[in-house]
C-alpha atoms as a PDB file:
ATOM      1  CA  MET A   1      85.043  74.090  99.097  1.00  0.00           C
ATOM      2  CA  THR A   2      87.728  76.363  97.657  1.00  0.00           C
ATOM      3  CA  ARG A   3      88.355  79.942  98.615  1.00  0.00           C
ATOM      4  CA  ASN A   4      87.176  81.031  95.164  1.00  0.00           C
ATOM      5  CA  SER A   5      83.984  79.002  95.280  1.00  0.00           C
ATOM      6  CA  LEU A   6      82.969  80.820  98.450  1.00  0.00           C
ATOM      7  CA  TRP A   7      82.547  83.874  96.257  1.00  0.00           C
ATOM      8  CA  LEU A   8      79.546  82.424  94.380  1.00  0.00           C
ATOM      9  CA  LEU A   9      76.736  84.905  94.815  1.00  0.00           C
ATOM     10  CA  ALA A  10      72.973  84.557  94.869  1.00  0.00           C
ATOM     11  CA  ALA A  11      72.166  86.110  91.494  1.00  0.00           C
ATOM     12  CA  THR A  12      68.418  85.726  92.059  1.00  0.00           C
ATOM     13  CA  ALA A  13      68.037  88.982  93.957  1.00  0.00           C
ATOM     14  CA  LEU A  14      65.479  91.179  92.213  1.00  0.00           C
ATOM     15  CA  THR A  15      65.379  94.305  94.355  1.00  0.00           C
ATOM     16  CA  VAL A  16      67.735  96.393  96.421  1.00  0.00           C
ATOM     17  CA  PRO A  17      66.171  97.264  99.785  1.00  0.00           C
ATOM     18  CA  ALA A  18      66.992 100.351 101.740  1.00  0.00           C
ATOM     19  CA  GLY A  19      69.126  98.268 104.073  1.00  0.00           C
ATOM     20  CA  VAL A  20      71.441  97.356 101.188  1.00  0.00           C
ATOM     21  CA  LEU A  21      71.960 101.012 100.335  1.00  0.00           C
ATOM     22  CA  ALA A  22      72.709 101.720 103.980  1.00  0.00           C
ATOM     23  CA  GLY A  23      75.161  98.805 103.986  1.00  0.00           C
ATOM     24  CA  ARG A  24      77.051 100.118 100.958  1.00  0.00           C
ATOM     25  CA  TYR A  25      77.274 103.534 102.625  1.00  0.00           C
ATOM     26  CA  TRP A  26      78.626 101.992 105.833  1.00  0.00           C
ATOM     27  CA  VAL A  27      81.213  99.886 103.952  1.00  0.00           C
ATOM     28  CA  ALA A  28      82.423 102.970 102.060  1.00  0.00           C
ATOM     29  CA  ASN A  29      82.791 104.977 105.260  1.00  0.00           C
ATOM     30  CA  GLN A  30      84.659 102.141 106.945  1.00  0.00           C
ATOM     31  CA  LEU A  31      87.088 101.994 104.014  1.00  0.00           C
ATOM     32  CA  ARG A  32      87.805 105.727 104.240  1.00  0.00           C
ATOM     33  CA  ARG A  33      88.330 105.533 107.981  1.00  0.00           C
ATOM     34  CA  ASP A  34      90.715 102.562 107.812  1.00  0.00           C
ATOM     35  CA  ALA A  35      92.566 103.963 104.772  1.00  0.00           C
ATOM     36  CA  ARG A  36      93.115 107.222 106.634  1.00  0.00           C
ATOM     37  CA  HIS A  37      94.781 105.329 109.508  1.00  0.00           C
ATOM     38  CA  LEU A  38      96.951 103.333 107.096  1.00  0.00           C
ATOM     39  CA  LEU A  39      98.144 106.464 105.264  1.00  0.00           C
ATOM     40  CA  LEU A  40      98.766 108.329 108.515  1.00  0.00           C
ATOM     41  CA  ALA A  41     101.004 105.547 109.833  1.00  0.00           C
ATOM     42  CA  ALA A  42     102.955 105.512 106.546  1.00  0.00           C
ATOM     43  CA  SER A  43     103.518 109.280 106.670  1.00  0.00           C
ATOM     44  CA  THR A  44     105.698 108.928 109.777  1.00  0.00           C
ATOM     45  CA  SER A  45     108.330 106.689 108.124  1.00  0.00           C
ATOM     46  CA  PRO A  46     111.812 108.201 107.728  1.00  0.00           C
ATOM     47  CA  ALA A  47     112.537 110.396 104.696  1.00  0.00           C
ATOM     48  CA  ARG A  48     115.103 108.808 102.377  1.00  0.00           C
ATOM     49  CA  VAL A  49     116.440 109.336  98.887  1.00  0.00           C
ATOM     50  CA  TYR A  50     117.390 106.693  96.301  1.00  0.00           C
ATOM     51  CA  SER A  51     120.989 106.521  95.059  1.00  0.00           C
ATOM     52  CA  GLU A  52     122.389 104.152  92.431  1.00  0.00           C
ATOM     53  CA  ALA A  53     125.083 103.225  94.957  1.00  0.00           C
ATOM     54  CA  GLN A  54     122.364 101.139  96.643  1.00  0.00           C
ATOM     55  CA  LEU A  55     122.343  98.812  93.621  1.00  0.00           C
ATOM     56  CA  VAL A  56     125.886  97.516  94.118  1.00  0.00           C
ATOM     57  CA  GLY A  57     125.788  93.739  94.582  1.00  0.00           C
ATOM     58  CA  LEU A  58     122.226  93.259  93.387  1.00  0.00           C
ATOM     59  CA  PRO A  59     121.457  90.729  90.598  1.00  0.00           C
ATOM     60  CA  ALA A  60     122.057  92.169  87.117  1.00  0.00           C
ATOM     61  CA  PRO A  61     118.388  92.242  85.998  1.00  0.00           C
ATOM     62  CA  VAL A  62     117.380  93.951  89.240  1.00  0.00           C
ATOM     63  CA  GLN A  63     120.017  96.636  88.738  1.00  0.00           C
ATOM     64  CA  ARG A  64     118.808  97.247  85.199  1.00  0.00           C
ATOM     65  CA  TYR A  65     115.206  97.454  86.416  1.00  0.00           C
ATOM     66  CA  PHE A  66     115.883 100.100  89.052  1.00  0.00           C
ATOM     67  CA  ARG A  67     118.025 102.158  86.683  1.00  0.00           C
ATOM     68  CA  HIS A  68     115.210 102.048  84.133  1.00  0.00           C
ATOM     69  CA  VAL A  69     112.312 102.960  86.388  1.00  0.00           C
ATOM     70  CA  LEU A  70     113.845 105.211  89.054  1.00  0.00           C
ATOM     71  CA  PRO A  71     115.658 108.541  88.532  1.00  0.00           C
ATOM     72  CA  ALA A  72     118.679 109.211  90.740  1.00  0.00           C
ATOM     73  CA  GLY A  73     117.688 111.239  93.760  1.00  0.00           C
ATOM     74  CA  GLN A  74     114.118 109.891  93.799  1.00  0.00           C
ATOM     75  CA  PRO A  75     112.630 110.293  97.298  1.00  0.00           C
ATOM     76  CA  TYR A  76     111.334 107.075  98.814  1.00  0.00           C
ATOM     77  CA  LEU A  77     107.607 106.586  98.335  1.00  0.00           C
ATOM     78  CA  ARG A  78     105.734 106.187 101.585  1.00  0.00           C
ATOM     79  CA  SER A  79     102.250 105.304 100.328  1.00  0.00           C
ATOM     80  CA  LEU A  80      99.889 105.376  97.393  1.00  0.00           C
ATOM     81  CA  ARG A  81      96.239 105.439  96.573  1.00  0.00           C
ATOM     82  CA  LEU A  82      94.760 104.235  93.299  1.00  0.00           C
ATOM     83  CA  ARG A  83      91.477 103.586  91.538  1.00  0.00           C
ATOM     84  CA  HIS A  84      90.976 100.970  88.837  1.00  0.00           C
ATOM     85  CA  THR A  85      88.458  99.441  86.502  1.00  0.00           C
ATOM     86  CA  GLY A  86      88.579  95.906  85.160  1.00  0.00           C
ATOM     87  CA  GLN A  87      87.147  92.424  85.247  1.00  0.00           C
ATOM     88  CA  PHE A  88      86.934  89.789  87.948  1.00  0.00           C
ATOM     89  CA  LYS A  89      85.874  86.147  88.320  1.00  0.00           C
ATOM     90  CA  THR A  90      84.198  84.882  91.466  1.00  0.00           C
ATOM     91  CA  ASN A  91      85.102  81.356  90.339  1.00  0.00           C
ATOM     92  CA  LEU A  92      87.642  80.249  87.750  1.00  0.00           C
ATOM     93  CA  ASP A  93      84.888  78.581  85.704  1.00  0.00           C
ATOM     94  CA  ARG A  94      82.525  81.534  85.819  1.00  0.00           C
ATOM     95  CA  ALA A  95      82.109  84.467  83.434  1.00  0.00           C
ATOM     96  CA  TRP A  96      83.951  87.736  83.904  1.00  0.00           C
ATOM     97  CA  LEU A  97      82.244  90.487  85.901  1.00  0.00           C
ATOM     98  CA  ALA A  98      82.921  94.206  85.552  1.00  0.00           C
ATOM     99  CA  ILE A  99      84.574  95.596  88.679  1.00  0.00           C
ATOM    100  CA  GLU A 100      85.716  98.946  90.021  1.00  0.00           C
ATOM    101  CA  GLY A 101      88.058  99.261  92.942  1.00  0.00           C
ATOM    102  CA  GLU A 102      90.284 101.444  95.034  1.00  0.00           C
ATOM    103  CA  GLN A 103      93.416 100.545  96.932  1.00  0.00           C
ATOM    104  CA  TYR A 104      95.723 102.037  99.541  1.00  0.00           C
ATOM    105  CA  ILE A 105      99.266 100.724 100.087  1.00  0.00           C
ATOM    106  CA  SER A 106     101.788 101.725 102.733  1.00  0.00           C
ATOM    107  CA  ALA A 107     105.527 101.074 102.461  1.00  0.00           C
ATOM    108  CA  GLU A 108     106.320 101.073 106.176  1.00  0.00           C
ATOM    109  CA  PRO A 109     104.626  99.541 107.991  1.00  0.00           C
ATOM    110  CA  ALA A 110     103.895  97.021 105.241  1.00  0.00           C
ATOM    111  CA  GLY A 111     100.178  97.065 104.535  1.00  0.00           C
ATOM    112  CA  PHE A 112      97.354  97.561 102.063  1.00  0.00           C
ATOM    113  CA  ILE A 113      93.578  97.791 101.857  1.00  0.00           C
ATOM    114  CA  TRP A 114      91.758  97.025  98.596  1.00  0.00           C
ATOM    115  CA  GLN A 115      88.039  97.238  98.041  1.00  0.00           C
ATOM    116  CA  GLY A 116      86.335  96.159  94.833  1.00  0.00           C
ATOM    117  CA  THR A 117      82.691  96.505  93.849  1.00  0.00           C
ATOM    118  CA  THR A 118      80.659  94.659  91.228  1.00  0.00           C
ATOM    119  CA  ARG A 119      76.946  94.634  90.559  1.00  0.00           C
ATOM    120  CA  TRP A 120      76.527  91.810  93.054  1.00  0.00           C
ATOM    121  CA  PHE A 121      79.162  92.108  95.746  1.00  0.00           C
ATOM    122  CA  THR A 122      81.687  94.265  97.556  1.00  0.00           C
ATOM    123  CA  ALA A 123      84.972  92.583  98.469  1.00  0.00           C
ATOM    124  CA  ARG A 124      87.698  93.836 100.768  1.00  0.00           C
ATOM    125  CA  ASP A 125      91.212  92.352 100.786  1.00  0.00           C
ATOM    126  CA  GLU A 126      93.776  93.617 103.285  1.00  0.00           C
ATOM    127  CA  TYR A 127      97.037  93.188 105.087  1.00  0.00           C
ATOM    128  CA  VAL A 128      97.203  95.403 108.184  1.00  0.00           C
ATOM    129  CA  ALA A 129      99.436  95.087 111.270  1.00  0.00           C
ATOM    130  CA  GLY A 130     100.796  91.754 110.025  1.00  0.00           C
ATOM    131  CA  ARG A 131      97.376  90.171 109.565  1.00  0.00           C
ATOM    132  CA  GLY A 132      95.577  89.355 106.314  1.00  0.00           C
ATOM    133  CA  GLY A 133      91.866  89.165 105.748  1.00  0.00           C
ATOM    134  CA  LEU A 134      89.135  88.878 103.131  1.00  0.00           C
ATOM    135  CA  THR A 135      85.534  90.011 103.535  1.00  0.00           C
ATOM    136  CA  VAL A 136      82.869  89.659 100.848  1.00  0.00           C
ATOM    137  CA  ARG A 137      79.417  91.248 101.181  1.00  0.00           C
ATOM    138  CA  LEU A 138      76.464  90.355  98.984  1.00  0.00           C
ATOM    139  CA  LEU A 139      75.063  93.546  97.436  1.00  0.00           C
ATOM    140  CA  GLY A 140      77.479  95.427  99.709  1.00  0.00           C
ATOM    141  CA  ALA A 141      75.492  94.594 102.824  1.00  0.00           C
ATOM    142  CA  VAL A 142      75.254  90.885 103.732  1.00  0.00           C
ATOM    143  CA  PRO A 143      78.541  89.174 104.731  1.00  0.00           C
ATOM    144  CA  VAL A 144      79.039  85.898 102.852  1.00  0.00           C
ATOM    145  CA  VAL A 145      82.802  85.424 103.370  1.00  0.00           C
ATOM    146  CA  ARG A 146      85.000  86.301 106.336  1.00  0.00           C
ATOM    147  CA  GLY A 147      88.478  84.888 105.836  1.00  0.00           C
ATOM    148  CA  HIS A 148      91.341  85.246 108.308  1.00  0.00           C
ATOM    149  CA  GLY A 149      94.157  83.228 109.850  1.00  0.00           C
ATOM    150  CA  PRO A 150      97.710  82.155 108.946  1.00  0.00           C
ATOM    151  CA  HIS A 151      96.900  81.274 105.319  1.00  0.00           C
ATOM    152  CA  TYR A 152      95.441  84.731 104.763  1.00  0.00           C
ATOM    153  CA  ASP A 153      98.369  86.377 106.548  1.00  0.00           C
ATOM    154  CA  GLN A 154     100.763  84.657 104.124  1.00  0.00           C
ATOM    155  CA  GLY A 155      98.639  85.264 101.026  1.00  0.00           C
ATOM    156  CA  GLU A 156      98.025  88.927 101.660  1.00  0.00           C
ATOM    157  CA  LEU A 157     101.670  89.612 102.467  1.00  0.00           C
ATOM    158  CA  LEU A 158     102.492  88.051  99.071  1.00  0.00           C
ATOM    159  CA  ARG A 159      99.943  90.330  97.411  1.00  0.00           C
ATOM    160  CA  TRP A 160     101.436  93.389  99.148  1.00  0.00           C
ATOM    161  CA  LEU A 161     104.922  92.400  98.028  1.00  0.00           C
ATOM    162  CA  ALA A 162     103.863  91.861  94.415  1.00  0.00           C
ATOM    163  CA  GLU A 163     101.990  95.145  94.279  1.00  0.00           C
ATOM    164  CA  CYS A 164     105.005  97.048  95.465  1.00  0.00           C
ATOM    165  CA  ALA A 165     105.666  97.109  91.716  1.00  0.00           C
ATOM    166  CA  TRP A 166     103.662 100.356  92.130  1.00  0.00           C
ATOM    167  CA  LEU A 167     105.456 101.397  95.324  1.00  0.00           C
ATOM    168  CA  LEU A 168     108.801 100.441  93.883  1.00  0.00           C
ATOM    169  CA  THR A 169     111.256 102.204  96.189  1.00  0.00           C
ATOM    170  CA  ARG A 170     110.053  99.692  98.796  1.00  0.00           C
ATOM    171  CA  LEU A 171     111.673  96.974  96.664  1.00  0.00           C
ATOM    172  CA  LEU A 172     115.125  98.470  97.146  1.00  0.00           C
ATOM    173  CA  PRO A 173     117.436  96.379  99.390  1.00  0.00           C
ATOM    174  CA  SER A 174     116.849  96.815 103.121  1.00  0.00           C
ATOM    175  CA  PRO A 175     117.090  94.717 106.294  1.00  0.00           C
ATOM    176  CA  ASP A 176     113.717  93.108 105.505  1.00  0.00           C
ATOM    177  CA  MET A 177     113.968  93.011 101.681  1.00  0.00           C
ATOM    178  CA  ALA A 178     116.516  90.858  99.832  1.00  0.00           C
ATOM    179  CA  TRP A 179     117.160  89.929  96.200  1.00  0.00           C
ATOM    180  CA  THR A 180     118.852  86.688  95.097  1.00  0.00           C
ATOM    181  CA  ALA A 181     120.286  86.086  91.612  1.00  0.00           C
ATOM    182  CA  ILE A 182     118.869  83.332  89.379  1.00  0.00           C
ATOM    183  CA  ASP A 183     119.646  84.226  85.758  1.00  0.00           C
ATOM    184  CA  ASP A 184     119.906  87.229  83.442  1.00  0.00           C
ATOM    185  CA  HIS A 185     116.146  87.885  83.456  1.00  0.00           C
ATOM    186  CA  THR A 186     115.014  86.361  86.768  1.00  0.00           C
ATOM    187  CA  ALA A 187     115.641  86.972  90.455  1.00  0.00           C
ATOM    188  CA  ARG A 188     114.137  85.920  93.770  1.00  0.00           C
ATOM    189  CA  LEU A 189     112.720  88.527  96.137  1.00  0.00           C
ATOM    190  CA  THR A 190     112.177  87.765  99.828  1.00  0.00           C
ATOM    191  CA  CYS A 191     110.490  89.980 102.389  1.00  0.00           C
ATOM    192  CA  THR A 192     110.269  89.268 106.109  1.00  0.00           C
ATOM    193  CA  HIS A 193     107.505  90.907 108.150  1.00  0.00           C
ATOM    194  CA  ALA A 194     105.641  90.188 111.375  1.00  0.00           C
ATOM    195  CA  GLY A 195     107.464  86.912 111.930  1.00  0.00           C
ATOM    196  CA  GLN A 196     106.823  85.465 108.465  1.00  0.00           C
ATOM    197  CA  ALA A 197     108.572  85.470 105.111  1.00  0.00           C
ATOM    198  CA  ALA A 198     107.140  85.943 101.617  1.00  0.00           C
ATOM    199  CA  THR A 199     109.139  84.985  98.517  1.00  0.00           C
ATOM    200  CA  LEU A 200     108.447  85.836  94.884  1.00  0.00           C
ATOM    201  CA  LEU A 201     110.091  84.608  91.723  1.00  0.00           C
ATOM    202  CA  VAL A 202     110.390  87.829  89.665  1.00  0.00           C
ATOM    203  CA  ARG A 203     110.839  87.936  85.895  1.00  0.00           C
ATOM    204  CA  PHE A 204     111.971  90.990  83.911  1.00  0.00           C
ATOM    205  CA  ASN A 205     111.327  91.623  80.228  1.00  0.00           C
ATOM    206  CA  GLU A 206     113.613  92.926  77.477  1.00  0.00           C
ATOM    207  CA  GLN A 207     112.651  96.498  78.363  1.00  0.00           C
ATOM    208  CA  ASN A 208     113.993  95.952  81.903  1.00  0.00           C
ATOM    209  CA  GLU A 209     110.495  96.156  83.352  1.00  0.00           C
ATOM    210  CA  LEU A 210     109.184  93.948  86.131  1.00  0.00           C
ATOM    211  CA  ALA A 211     106.859  91.845  84.009  1.00  0.00           C
ATOM    212  CA  GLU A 212     105.820  88.893  86.180  1.00  0.00           C
ATOM    213  CA  CYS A 213     106.007  87.439  89.658  1.00  0.00           C
ATOM    214  CA  GLU A 214     105.125  83.967  90.894  1.00  0.00           C
ATOM    215  CA  ALA A 215     104.752  82.292  94.266  1.00  0.00           C
ATOM    216  CA  LEU A 216     103.033  79.388  95.994  1.00  0.00           C
ATOM    217  CA  ARG A 217      99.869  80.673  97.682  1.00  0.00           C
ATOM    218  CA  TYR A 218      96.956  79.015  99.436  1.00  0.00           C
ATOM    219  CA  PHE A 219      94.115  78.407  96.993  1.00  0.00           C
ATOM    220  CA  ASP A 220      91.926  76.959  99.725  1.00  0.00           C
ATOM    221  CA  ASP A 221      92.394  75.810 103.308  1.00  0.00           C
ATOM    222  CA  THR A 222      94.658  72.896 102.395  1.00  0.00           C
ATOM    223  CA  THR A 223      96.038  73.422  98.880  1.00  0.00           C
ATOM    224  CA  GLN A 224      98.857  75.668  97.703  1.00  0.00           C
ATOM    225  CA  LEU A 225      99.029  76.461  93.998  1.00  0.00           C
ATOM    226  CA  PRO A 226     101.264  78.673  91.852  1.00  0.00           C
ATOM    227  CA  TRP A 227      99.907  82.217  91.866  1.00  0.00           C
ATOM    228  CA  VAL A 228     101.088  84.579  89.125  1.00  0.00           C
ATOM    229  CA  GLY A 229     100.930  88.358  88.741  1.00  0.00           C
ATOM    230  CA  ASN A 230     101.552  90.031  85.378  1.00  0.00           C
ATOM    231  CA  PHE A 231     102.373  93.731  84.906  1.00  0.00           C
ATOM    232  CA  ALA A 232     102.182  95.674  81.648  1.00  0.00           C
ATOM    233  CA  GLN A 233     101.772  99.034  79.912  1.00  0.00           C
ATOM    234  CA  TYR A 234     104.261 100.976  82.010  1.00  0.00           C
ATOM    235  CA  GLN A 235     103.598 104.687  82.358  1.00  0.00           C
ATOM    236  CA  ARG A 236     105.434 107.515  84.054  1.00  0.00           C
ATOM    237  CA  GLN A 237     103.857 108.661  87.297  1.00  0.00           C
ATOM    238  CA  GLN A 238     105.466 111.535  89.199  1.00  0.00           C
ATOM    239  CA  GLY A 239     108.785 110.821  87.521  1.00  0.00           C
ATOM    240  CA  ILE A 240     108.882 107.024  87.931  1.00  0.00           C
ATOM    241  CA  LEU A 241     107.794 104.166  85.653  1.00  0.00           C
ATOM    242  CA  VAL A 242     105.051 101.860  86.947  1.00  0.00           C
ATOM    243  CA  PRO A 243     102.580  99.427  85.338  1.00  0.00           C
ATOM    244  CA  SER A 244      99.042 100.528  84.508  1.00  0.00           C
ATOM    245  CA  VAL A 245      97.639  97.055  83.743  1.00  0.00           C
ATOM    246  CA  VAL A 246      97.834  94.034  86.052  1.00  0.00           C
ATOM    247  CA  GLU A 247      96.504  90.479  85.847  1.00  0.00           C
ATOM    248  CA  ALA A 248      96.377  87.790  88.525  1.00  0.00           C
ATOM    249  CA  SER A 249      96.102  84.060  87.793  1.00  0.00           C
ATOM    250  CA  TRP A 250      96.160  80.673  89.463  1.00  0.00           C
ATOM    251  CA  VAL A 251      97.981  77.811  87.766  1.00  0.00           C
ATOM    252  CA  LEU A 252      95.970  74.587  87.694  1.00  0.00           C
ATOM    253  CA  ALA A 253      97.394  71.457  86.065  1.00  0.00           C
ATOM    254  CA  GLY A 254     100.045  73.597  84.360  1.00  0.00           C
ATOM    255  CA  GLN A 255      97.471  75.981  82.873  1.00  0.00           C
ATOM    256  CA  ARG A 256      97.159  79.637  83.837  1.00  0.00           C
ATOM    257  CA  ARG A 257      93.635  80.616  84.870  1.00  0.00           C
ATOM    258  CA  PRO A 258      93.290  84.381  85.229  1.00  0.00           C
ATOM    259  CA  TYR A 259      90.715  85.721  87.681  1.00  0.00           C
ATOM    260  CA  ALA A 260      91.483  89.468  87.899  1.00  0.00           C
ATOM    261  CA  ARG A 261      92.385  92.060  85.258  1.00  0.00           C
ATOM    262  CA  PHE A 262      92.699  95.661  86.440  1.00  0.00           C
ATOM    263  CA  THR A 263      93.527  98.871  84.601  1.00  0.00           C
ATOM    264  CA  VAL A 264      94.689 101.784  86.745  1.00  0.00           C
ATOM    265  CA  GLN A 265      92.697 104.977  86.246  1.00  0.00           C
ATOM    266  CA  THR A 266      94.196 107.147  88.992  1.00  0.00           C
ATOM    267  CA  LEU A 267      97.424 106.689  90.953  1.00  0.00           C
ATOM    268  CA  GLU A 268      98.771 109.174  93.504  1.00  0.00           C
ATOM    269  CA  TYR A 269     101.711 108.957  95.895  1.00  0.00           C
ATOM    270  CA  ASP A 270     102.017 110.137  99.482  1.00  0.00           C
ATOM    271  CA  SER A 271      98.501 111.468  99.671  1.00  0.00           C
ATOM    272  CA  ALA A 272      97.328 112.975 102.941  1.00  0.00           C
ATOM    273  CA  GLY A 273      94.066 111.005 102.914  1.00  0.00           C
ATOM    274  CA  PRO A 274      91.713 108.611 101.109  1.00  0.00           C
ATOM    275  CA  PHE A 275      89.660 109.416  98.021  1.00  0.00           C
END
């Protein structure tokens, strides 16, 4: 059984008991509590300022990207919080479901918490203290998936790295973040954290925007498949350019199969607390 197939939900439920409402309330409170801890840890990271001198020696498309999206003198971003709408598939062969979500990302220490809610389930994806995890609750109350272990650690670190397209000062070169040249529109990005490494193939478009990233990621307990993230509709947020639309896909038999499409509604940097 694949990781995605575990998300199949019992769509025969006809009523929502009081216990389900209590479960949704508990899940929401837990998210706020854990997000508060994540943001507090990020707020203690050193204050730094971006300079174009940091770009010397980077691959040409990476230099063009940072010059396009970051103004000189931009303070490093420590964290963000965002809310999104969109569509999601619980299985690649199933219909799209409407979803709303919120996410918290910290630059240092590397970490994120995402929680998405549909009519039928609440899902939480996270990478905290070097460990990844996935929890899915039917109707927000009944756990149906609890995923953790090395495959989740690797997969969620990859997701954090890809979504630093929003927290883009974290993608500047540092002891744990390195860019390698490939060609005039492609570079390789490698991050090391908590004893493991995550590597993305990053593609830039003609507007010098980070348009796509790709990596091998565990699709189930035994199989790794190409996993692709697409970024579009860049908008200026607090002086920097970041994408407002993202799509995630698996590649099966050479064919891209999208399973998540999100549109950012609210994005705020270095907030003191959760929504």
